[in-house]
Amino acid sequence: MLQLFIATVLFLVMMFGIGFILNMLLKTTWFPIYLFILVLIPLGIWAPWDKSATATIENFAHYTIFDYIPVIGALIGAYVSGWAIQALRKGGYKMF
């Protein structure tokens, strides 16, 4: 359980940091969350995919709740980075 908590917080902070930097450099707001949903989640599903499995459900049966919780934490970090940039822009910070 401790490892799950540490991994979730680590992914949340890591996605927030990467998303915040991407938002500043590309002058976007929600790019990191789109990137996460369109690129990282499919890569996370495709990488451990077993081609010898006879049914698709067999591949998804290998994932447990402990695999989904860090992904949800990272998704929250990507969302919070977009929200933070949006709040800074509304606050008058033009560099963001």
N, C-alpha and C. Protein backbone atom coordinates (compact mmCIF):
# COMPACT_ATOMS: atom_id res chain seq x y z
N MET A 1 0.82 -1.20 0.00
CA MET A 1 0.00 0.00 0.00
C MET A 1 0.86 1.26 0.00
N LEU A 2 1.97 1.22 0.73
CA LEU A 2 2.86 2.39 0.77
C LEU A 2 3.44 2.66 -0.62
N GLN A 3 3.82 1.59 -1.31
CA GLN A 3 4.36 1.76 -2.66
C GLN A 3 3.32 2.33 -3.62
N LEU A 4 2.09 1.90 -3.46
CA LEU A 4 1.00 2.42 -4.30
C LEU A 4 0.80 3.91 -4.05
N PHE A 5 0.80 4.32 -2.80
CA PHE A 5 0.65 5.73 -2.46
C PHE A 5 1.80 6.56 -3.01
N ILE A 6 3.03 6.07 -2.83
CA ILE A 6 4.20 6.81 -3.32
C ILE A 6 4.18 6.89 -4.85
N ALA A 7 3.83 5.80 -5.53
CA ALA A 7 3.77 5.81 -7.00
C ALA A 7 2.70 6.77 -7.50
N THR A 8 1.56 6.80 -6.83
CA THR A 8 0.47 7.69 -7.25
C THR A 8 0.87 9.15 -7.09
N VAL A 9 1.44 9.49 -5.95
CA VAL A 9 1.88 10.87 -5.73
C VAL A 9 3.00 11.24 -6.69
N LEU A 10 3.91 10.32 -6.93
CA LEU A 10 5.02 10.58 -7.86
C LEU A 10 4.50 10.84 -9.27
N PHE A 11 3.58 10.03 -9.75
CA PHE A 11 3.03 10.24 -11.09
C PHE A 11 2.23 11.53 -11.17
N LEU A 12 1.49 11.87 -10.12
CA LEU A 12 0.73 13.10 -10.08
C LEU A 12 1.67 14.31 -10.19
N VAL A 13 2.71 14.33 -9.38
CA VAL A 13 3.66 15.45 -9.39
C VAL A 13 4.43 15.50 -10.70
N MET A 14 4.81 14.33 -11.21
CA MET A 14 5.57 14.29 -12.46
C MET A 14 4.74 14.81 -13.63
N MET A 15 3.48 14.38 -13.74
CA MET A 15 2.63 14.87 -14.82
C MET A 15 2.30 16.34 -14.66
N PHE A 16 2.15 16.79 -13.41
CA PHE A 16 1.91 18.21 -13.20
C PHE A 16 3.11 19.02 -13.69
N GLY A 17 4.30 18.60 -13.33
CA GLY A 17 5.50 19.33 -13.74
C GLY A 17 5.71 19.33 -15.24
N ILE A 18 5.58 18.17 -15.86
CA ILE A 18 5.75 18.07 -17.31
C ILE A 18 4.66 18.87 -18.02
N GLY A 19 3.42 18.74 -17.54
CA GLY A 19 2.32 19.47 -18.15
C GLY A 19 2.46 20.97 -18.00
N PHE A 20 2.91 21.41 -16.84
CA PHE A 20 3.10 22.85 -16.61
C PHE A 20 4.15 23.41 -17.55
N ILE A 21 5.26 22.69 -17.70
CA ILE A 21 6.33 23.15 -18.60
C ILE A 21 5.84 23.15 -20.05
N LEU A 22 5.14 22.09 -20.46
CA LEU A 22 4.62 22.05 -21.83
C LEU A 22 3.62 23.18 -22.08
N ASN A 23 2.78 23.45 -21.09
CA ASN A 23 1.81 24.54 -21.24
C ASN A 23 2.51 25.89 -21.37
N MET A 24 3.60 26.09 -20.63
CA MET A 24 4.32 27.36 -20.74
C MET A 24 5.02 27.48 -22.08
N LEU A 25 5.68 26.42 -22.52
CA LEU A 25 6.46 26.49 -23.76
C LEU A 25 5.57 26.55 -24.99
N LEU A 26 4.49 25.80 -25.01
CA LEU A 26 3.64 25.75 -26.19
C LEU A 26 2.47 26.73 -26.14
N LYS A 27 2.35 27.43 -25.01
CA LYS A 27 1.28 28.41 -24.80
C LYS A 27 -0.09 27.79 -25.04
N THR A 28 -0.28 26.61 -24.49
CA THR A 28 -1.56 25.92 -24.55
C THR A 28 -2.11 25.78 -23.13
N THR A 29 -3.28 25.22 -23.00
CA THR A 29 -3.84 25.01 -21.68
C THR A 29 -4.08 23.53 -21.41
N TRP A 30 -4.70 22.84 -22.32
CA TRP A 30 -5.09 21.46 -22.07
C TRP A 30 -4.32 20.45 -22.90
N PHE A 31 -3.20 20.85 -23.51
CA PHE A 31 -2.40 19.93 -24.33
C PHE A 31 -1.92 18.70 -23.55
N PRO A 32 -1.42 18.84 -22.32
CA PRO A 32 -0.93 17.64 -21.61
C PRO A 32 -2.01 16.59 -21.34
N ILE A 33 -3.22 17.02 -21.07
CA ILE A 33 -4.27 16.03 -20.81
C ILE A 33 -4.65 15.32 -22.11
N TYR A 34 -4.67 16.04 -23.23
CA TYR A 34 -4.93 15.40 -24.52
C TYR A 34 -3.80 14.44 -24.87
N LEU A 35 -2.57 14.86 -24.64
CA LEU A 35 -1.41 14.01 -24.90
C LEU A 35 -1.47 12.75 -24.05
N PHE A 36 -1.85 12.90 -22.80
CA PHE A 36 -1.95 11.75 -21.90
C PHE A 36 -3.00 10.76 -22.38
N ILE A 37 -4.17 11.27 -22.76
CA ILE A 37 -5.26 10.38 -23.18
C ILE A 37 -4.99 9.76 -24.54
N LEU A 38 -4.44 10.51 -25.47
CA LEU A 38 -4.26 10.01 -26.83
C LEU A 38 -2.98 9.22 -27.07
N VAL A 39 -1.95 9.44 -26.23
CA VAL A 39 -0.67 8.78 -26.46
C VAL A 39 -0.29 7.84 -25.31
N LEU A 40 -0.26 8.33 -24.09
CA LEU A 40 0.27 7.53 -23.00
C LEU A 40 -0.62 6.36 -22.59
N ILE A 41 -1.92 6.56 -22.55
CA ILE A 41 -2.81 5.45 -22.18
C ILE A 41 -2.77 4.33 -23.23
N PRO A 42 -2.87 4.64 -24.54
CA PRO A 42 -2.74 3.55 -25.52
C PRO A 42 -1.38 2.86 -25.48
N LEU A 43 -0.30 3.61 -25.24
CA LEU A 43 1.01 2.97 -25.12
C LEU A 43 1.07 2.07 -23.89
N GLY A 44 0.44 2.48 -22.81
CA GLY A 44 0.40 1.66 -21.61
C GLY A 44 -0.40 0.39 -21.80
N ILE A 45 -1.36 0.41 -22.70
CA ILE A 45 -2.14 -0.79 -23.00
C ILE A 45 -1.41 -1.67 -24.02
N TRP A 46 -0.80 -1.04 -25.01
CA TRP A 46 -0.16 -1.79 -26.09
C TRP A 46 1.13 -2.47 -25.65
N ALA A 47 1.92 -1.84 -24.78
CA ALA A 47 3.23 -2.38 -24.41
C ALA A 47 3.15 -3.78 -23.80
N PRO A 48 2.29 -4.04 -22.83
CA PRO A 48 2.25 -5.41 -22.28
C PRO A 48 1.28 -6.34 -23.00
N TRP A 49 0.78 -5.95 -24.17
CA TRP A 49 -0.23 -6.72 -24.88
C TRP A 49 0.35 -8.08 -25.30
N ASP A 50 -0.38 -9.13 -25.00
CA ASP A 50 0.04 -10.49 -25.33
C ASP A 50 -0.68 -10.93 -26.61
N LYS A 51 0.07 -11.08 -27.68
CA LYS A 51 -0.54 -11.41 -28.97
C LYS A 51 -1.00 -12.86 -29.04
N SER A 52 -0.48 -13.69 -28.15
CA SER A 52 -0.88 -15.09 -28.17
C SER A 52 -2.20 -15.35 -27.44
N ALA A 53 -2.72 -14.32 -26.74
CA ALA A 53 -4.00 -14.47 -26.04
C ALA A 53 -5.12 -14.60 -27.08
N THR A 54 -6.07 -15.46 -26.80
CA THR A 54 -7.13 -15.72 -27.77
C THR A 54 -8.22 -14.66 -27.75
N ALA A 55 -8.43 -14.00 -26.63
CA ALA A 55 -9.48 -12.99 -26.53
C ALA A 55 -8.90 -11.69 -25.97
N THR A 56 -9.51 -10.59 -26.35
CA THR A 56 -9.06 -9.28 -25.87
C THR A 56 -9.24 -9.16 -24.38
N ILE A 57 -10.29 -9.75 -23.85
CA ILE A 57 -10.56 -9.64 -22.42
C ILE A 57 -9.45 -10.29 -21.60
N GLU A 58 -8.76 -11.28 -22.17
CA GLU A 58 -7.65 -11.91 -21.45
C GLU A 58 -6.52 -10.91 -21.21
N ASN A 59 -6.29 -10.01 -22.15
CA ASN A 59 -5.25 -9.01 -21.97
C ASN A 59 -5.63 -8.00 -20.89
N PHE A 60 -6.89 -7.60 -20.86
CA PHE A 60 -7.32 -6.63 -19.86
C PHE A 60 -7.51 -7.25 -18.49
N ALA A 61 -7.63 -8.56 -18.42
CA ALA A 61 -7.80 -9.24 -17.13
C ALA A 61 -6.53 -9.18 -16.29
N HIS A 62 -5.39 -8.92 -16.92
CA HIS A 62 -4.13 -8.85 -16.18
C HIS A 62 -4.01 -7.57 -15.36
N TYR A 63 -4.76 -6.53 -15.71
CA TYR A 63 -4.71 -5.28 -14.97
C TYR A 63 -5.57 -5.38 -13.72
N THR A 64 -5.08 -4.78 -12.64
CA THR A 64 -5.84 -4.75 -11.39
C THR A 64 -6.07 -3.30 -10.99
N ILE A 65 -6.77 -3.10 -9.90
CA ILE A 65 -7.02 -1.74 -9.41
C ILE A 65 -5.71 -1.05 -9.06
N PHE A 66 -4.71 -1.84 -8.67
CA PHE A 66 -3.41 -1.27 -8.32
C PHE A 66 -2.67 -0.74 -9.53
N ASP A 67 -3.05 -1.18 -10.71
CA ASP A 67 -2.48 -0.65 -11.95
C ASP A 67 -3.18 0.62 -12.39
N TYR A 68 -4.45 0.75 -12.06
CA TYR A 68 -5.23 1.90 -12.49
C TYR A 68 -5.04 3.13 -11.61
N ILE A 69 -4.79 2.95 -10.34
CA ILE A 69 -4.70 4.09 -9.41
C ILE A 69 -3.57 5.05 -9.77
N PRO A 70 -2.32 4.60 -10.06
CA PRO A 70 -1.29 5.56 -10.49
C PRO A 70 -1.63 6.27 -11.80
N VAL A 71 -2.31 5.58 -12.70
CA VAL A 71 -2.72 6.21 -13.97
C VAL A 71 -3.73 7.32 -13.70
N ILE A 72 -4.65 7.08 -12.79
CA ILE A 72 -5.62 8.10 -12.42
C ILE A 72 -4.92 9.28 -11.75
N GLY A 73 -3.91 9.00 -10.92
CA GLY A 73 -3.13 10.07 -10.30
C GLY A 73 -2.41 10.92 -11.33
N ALA A 74 -1.84 10.28 -12.35
CA ALA A 74 -1.16 11.02 -13.42
C ALA A 74 -2.15 11.85 -14.22
N LEU A 75 -3.33 11.32 -14.46
CA LEU A 75 -4.35 12.06 -15.18
C LEU A 75 -4.80 13.28 -14.39
N ILE A 76 -4.91 13.14 -13.08
CA ILE A 76 -5.24 14.28 -12.23
C ILE A 76 -4.12 15.32 -12.28
N GLY A 77 -2.88 14.89 -12.29
CA GLY A 77 -1.75 15.83 -12.40
C GLY A 77 -1.77 16.60 -13.71
N ALA A 78 -2.12 15.93 -14.81
CA ALA A 78 -2.22 16.61 -16.11
C ALA A 78 -3.35 17.63 -16.09
N TYR A 79 -4.47 17.27 -15.47
CA TYR A 79 -5.59 18.21 -15.37
C TYR A 79 -5.25 19.41 -14.51
N VAL A 80 -4.60 19.17 -13.38
CA VAL A 80 -4.26 20.27 -12.47
C VAL A 80 -3.25 21.22 -13.11
N SER A 81 -2.36 20.70 -13.96
CA SER A 81 -1.41 21.59 -14.63
C SER A 81 -2.14 22.53 -15.59
N GLY A 82 -3.14 22.03 -16.30
CA GLY A 82 -3.93 22.90 -17.18
C GLY A 82 -4.74 23.90 -16.39
N TRP A 83 -5.29 23.46 -15.27
CA TRP A 83 -6.07 24.36 -14.41
C TRP A 83 -5.17 25.45 -13.83
N ALA A 84 -3.94 25.10 -13.43
CA ALA A 84 -3.02 26.08 -12.85
C ALA A 84 -2.62 27.13 -13.88
N ILE A 85 -2.31 26.70 -15.09
CA ILE A 85 -1.96 27.65 -16.15
C ILE A 85 -3.14 28.57 -16.45
N GLN A 86 -4.33 28.01 -16.50
CA GLN A 86 -5.52 28.82 -16.77
C GLN A 86 -5.75 29.84 -15.65
N ALA A 87 -5.55 29.44 -14.41
CA ALA A 87 -5.72 30.37 -13.28
C ALA A 87 -4.66 31.46 -13.31
N LEU A 88 -3.44 31.11 -13.69
CA LEU A 88 -2.38 32.13 -13.79
C LEU A 88 -2.67 33.12 -14.91
N ARG A 89 -3.18 32.63 -16.03
CA ARG A 89 -3.53 33.54 -17.13
C ARG A 89 -4.67 34.47 -16.74
N LYS A 90 -5.67 33.95 -16.04
CA LYS A 90 -6.76 34.81 -15.58
C LYS A 90 -6.28 35.82 -14.54
N GLY A 91 -5.22 35.46 -13.83
CA GLY A 91 -4.65 36.36 -12.83
C GLY A 91 -3.80 37.47 -13.44
N GLY A 92 -3.60 37.42 -14.75
CA GLY A 92 -2.88 38.50 -15.43
C GLY A 92 -1.45 38.18 -15.80
N TYR A 93 -1.00 36.96 -15.57
CA TYR A 93 0.37 36.60 -15.93
C TYR A 93 0.42 36.28 -17.40
N LYS A 94 1.04 37.15 -18.18
CA LYS A 94 1.06 36.99 -19.63
C LYS A 94 2.14 36.02 -20.11
N MET A 95 3.13 35.72 -19.29
CA MET A 95 4.19 34.84 -19.73
C MET A 95 3.71 33.38 -19.78
N PHE A 96 2.57 33.10 -19.18
CA PHE A 96 2.03 31.74 -19.19
C PHE A 96 0.97 31.65 -20.24
